[in-house]
Amino acid sequence: MARKRKISPVQIYGQHKNKKVPIETDQKGRLCVNSDVKVDVQVNHGFTFCQKKWRAETRDVFLPVPTIDISHAYRYVFAVSNVGDADAEVQVQVGPSRQALMNDEIPYRIPAHQTVILTPLRFSRLIRVQFRSVQPEQPTCLIIYFQAQMFQ
């Protein structure tokens, strides 16, 4: 039968308002912490926020934003604001390489002066969004955001 080693008691002191005060411990020697202070802490759990932004004008054919590597992303979305006076269509594309991108879903229509959030349905290493005018020769202005939580 193993014998428990007896630990000699040690008192630790801290300082409060220029006075030395003993630090409270439980019977096993663990620190006891009591506080009236409320702290709002944001823990990022190893993530960092990433944002990219483009301002673009639509044409009659699909035009893409640059491809983004999301292999280290935890969550990601595109937010597209149509700040112009005509409707636009946007479509997310994903793929393993720039030469092998596929449409993630059907094109999404964004009415003038509206914003949409596009969450991709599929995952692959690369992602981008492409956009075009709904009506021929009626360009509109888009502000496109890519936002992600990236593993650090």
Protein backbone atom coordinates (compact mmCIF):
# COMPACT_ATOMS: atom_id res chain seq x y z
CA MET A 1 0.00 0.00 0.00
CA ALA A 2 1.43 3.35 -1.04
CA ARG A 3 1.92 5.94 1.64
CA LYS A 4 0.73 9.45 1.00
CA ARG A 5 3.46 11.98 1.24
CA LYS A 6 2.72 14.60 3.80
CA ILE A 7 3.07 18.11 2.47
CA SER A 8 4.06 20.75 4.93
CA PRO A 9 1.64 23.67 4.94
CA VAL A 10 2.81 26.85 3.24
CA GLN A 11 1.03 30.16 3.54
CA ILE A 12 1.09 32.44 0.52
CA TYR A 13 0.47 36.16 0.87
CA GLY A 14 -0.79 38.73 -1.59
CA GLN A 15 -1.24 42.46 -1.36
CA HIS A 16 -4.50 44.39 -1.11
CA LYS A 17 -4.49 48.16 -0.55
CA ASN A 18 -0.89 48.12 0.72
CA LYS A 19 -1.66 45.34 3.21
CA LYS A 20 -0.29 41.83 3.10
CA VAL A 21 -3.16 39.36 3.20
CA PRO A 22 -3.05 35.55 3.18
CA ILE A 23 -4.21 33.83 0.00
CA GLU A 24 -7.06 31.45 0.80
CA THR A 25 -6.67 27.76 -0.13
CA ASP A 26 -8.88 24.71 0.31
CA GLN A 27 -7.89 21.54 2.20
CA LYS A 28 -6.04 20.17 -0.83
CA GLY A 29 -4.01 23.36 -1.24
CA ARG A 30 -5.87 24.70 -4.28
CA LEU A 31 -6.44 28.44 -4.55
CA CYS A 32 -9.89 29.74 -3.66
CA VAL A 33 -10.95 32.68 -5.77
CA ASN A 34 -13.77 34.99 -4.73
CA SER A 35 -14.49 38.14 -6.65
CA ASP A 36 -17.10 40.86 -6.95
CA VAL A 37 -15.64 41.97 -10.29
CA LYS A 38 -17.60 41.10 -13.43
CA VAL A 39 -15.47 40.79 -16.54
CA ASP A 40 -16.73 40.57 -20.12
CA VAL A 41 -14.25 38.34 -21.89
CA GLN A 42 -14.33 37.45 -25.56
CA VAL A 43 -12.55 34.16 -26.12
CA ASN A 44 -11.65 33.47 -29.72
CA HIS A 45 -10.79 29.78 -29.19
CA GLY A 46 -7.93 29.89 -31.70
CA PHE A 47 -9.82 31.74 -34.46
CA THR A 48 -9.13 35.02 -36.16
CA PHE A 49 -11.59 37.11 -38.18
CA CYS A 50 -10.88 37.68 -41.86
CA GLN A 51 -12.69 40.05 -44.21
CA LYS A 52 -12.20 40.94 -47.87
CA LYS A 53 -14.23 43.59 -49.70
CA TRP A 54 -14.77 44.38 -53.38
CA ARG A 55 -16.77 47.07 -55.14
CA ALA A 56 -17.92 45.90 -58.56
CA GLU A 57 -20.17 46.89 -61.43
CA THR A 58 -22.20 44.15 -63.09
CA ARG A 59 -22.20 43.37 -66.81
CA ASP A 60 -24.37 41.11 -68.97
CA VAL A 61 -22.08 38.10 -68.35
CA PHE A 62 -20.86 36.58 -65.07
CA LEU A 63 -17.71 38.20 -63.67
CA PRO A 64 -15.92 36.67 -60.65
CA VAL A 65 -14.14 38.14 -57.65
CA PRO A 66 -10.68 36.64 -56.96
CA THR A 67 -10.60 33.05 -55.71
CA ILE A 68 -10.09 32.60 -51.94
CA ASP A 69 -8.36 29.66 -50.23
CA ILE A 70 -10.66 28.54 -47.39
CA SER A 71 -8.75 25.42 -46.36
CA HIS A 72 -8.11 26.99 -42.92
CA ALA A 73 -11.56 28.52 -42.50
CA TYR A 74 -14.04 27.39 -39.87
CA ARG A 75 -17.03 29.48 -40.96
CA TYR A 76 -17.39 31.72 -43.99
CA VAL A 77 -20.03 33.67 -45.90
CA PHE A 78 -20.39 36.18 -48.68
CA ALA A 79 -22.50 39.28 -48.02
CA VAL A 80 -23.52 41.07 -51.19
CA SER A 81 -25.11 44.54 -51.14
CA ASN A 82 -26.75 45.77 -54.31
CA VAL A 83 -26.32 49.54 -53.95
CA GLY A 84 -27.43 50.29 -57.51
CA ASP A 85 -30.82 50.77 -59.18
CA ALA A 86 -31.07 47.48 -61.13
CA ASP A 87 -31.33 43.83 -60.04
CA ALA A 88 -28.29 41.53 -60.03
CA GLU A 89 -27.58 37.80 -59.87
CA VAL A 90 -24.81 36.25 -57.81
CA GLN A 91 -23.56 32.68 -57.63
CA VAL A 92 -21.06 30.97 -55.33
CA GLN A 93 -18.48 28.68 -56.92
CA VAL A 94 -16.28 26.12 -55.13
CA GLY A 95 -13.55 23.77 -56.30
CA PRO A 96 -10.21 22.08 -55.65
CA SER A 97 -8.36 24.33 -58.13
CA ARG A 98 -8.92 27.50 -60.15
CA GLN A 99 -9.41 25.37 -63.26
CA ALA A 100 -12.04 23.11 -61.63
CA LEU A 101 -14.57 25.45 -60.04
CA MET A 102 -18.23 24.41 -60.01
CA ASN A 103 -21.41 26.28 -59.19
CA ASP A 104 -22.41 25.67 -55.58
CA GLU A 105 -26.06 26.47 -56.20
CA ILE A 106 -28.29 28.23 -58.71
CA PRO A 107 -27.85 32.01 -59.19
CA TYR A 108 -29.43 34.15 -56.48
CA ARG A 109 -31.27 37.33 -57.48
CA ILE A 110 -30.58 40.49 -55.46
CA PRO A 111 -33.10 43.31 -55.96
CA ALA A 112 -31.83 46.90 -56.09
CA HIS A 113 -30.92 48.34 -52.68
CA GLN A 114 -30.97 44.93 -50.95
CA THR A 115 -28.31 42.83 -49.20
CA VAL A 116 -28.08 39.05 -49.04
CA ILE A 117 -25.89 36.62 -47.14
CA LEU A 118 -24.70 33.64 -49.17
CA THR A 119 -23.62 30.57 -47.21
CA PRO A 120 -22.10 27.91 -49.46
CA LEU A 121 -23.68 24.45 -49.38
CA ARG A 122 -20.50 22.55 -50.28
CA PHE A 123 -16.91 22.68 -49.10
CA SER A 124 -13.78 22.64 -51.22
CA ARG A 125 -10.40 24.33 -50.93
CA LEU A 126 -11.23 27.35 -53.11
CA ILE A 127 -14.27 29.60 -53.24
CA ARG A 128 -15.43 32.71 -55.06
CA VAL A 129 -18.62 34.50 -56.03
CA GLN A 130 -19.54 35.62 -59.53
CA PHE A 131 -22.10 38.27 -60.49
CA ARG A 132 -23.99 39.71 -63.46
CA SER A 133 -26.85 42.03 -64.40
CA VAL A 134 -30.33 40.50 -64.54
CA GLN A 135 -31.51 42.71 -67.42
CA PRO A 136 -29.20 43.24 -70.43
CA GLU A 137 -27.50 46.64 -70.52
CA GLN A 138 -28.69 47.56 -67.00
CA PRO A 139 -25.53 47.46 -64.87
CA THR A 140 -25.69 47.92 -61.11
CA CYS A 141 -23.12 48.46 -58.39
CA LEU A 142 -22.37 45.72 -55.84
CA ILE A 143 -20.36 45.71 -52.64
CA ILE A 144 -19.18 42.17 -52.00
CA TYR A 145 -17.82 41.04 -48.63
CA PHE A 146 -16.17 37.74 -47.80
CA GLN A 147 -16.09 37.12 -44.04
CA ALA A 148 -14.59 34.12 -42.28
CA GLN A 149 -13.42 32.75 -38.97
CA MET A 150 -9.98 31.31 -39.73
CA PHE A 151 -8.03 28.80 -37.64
CA GLN A 152 -4.88 30.47 -36.29
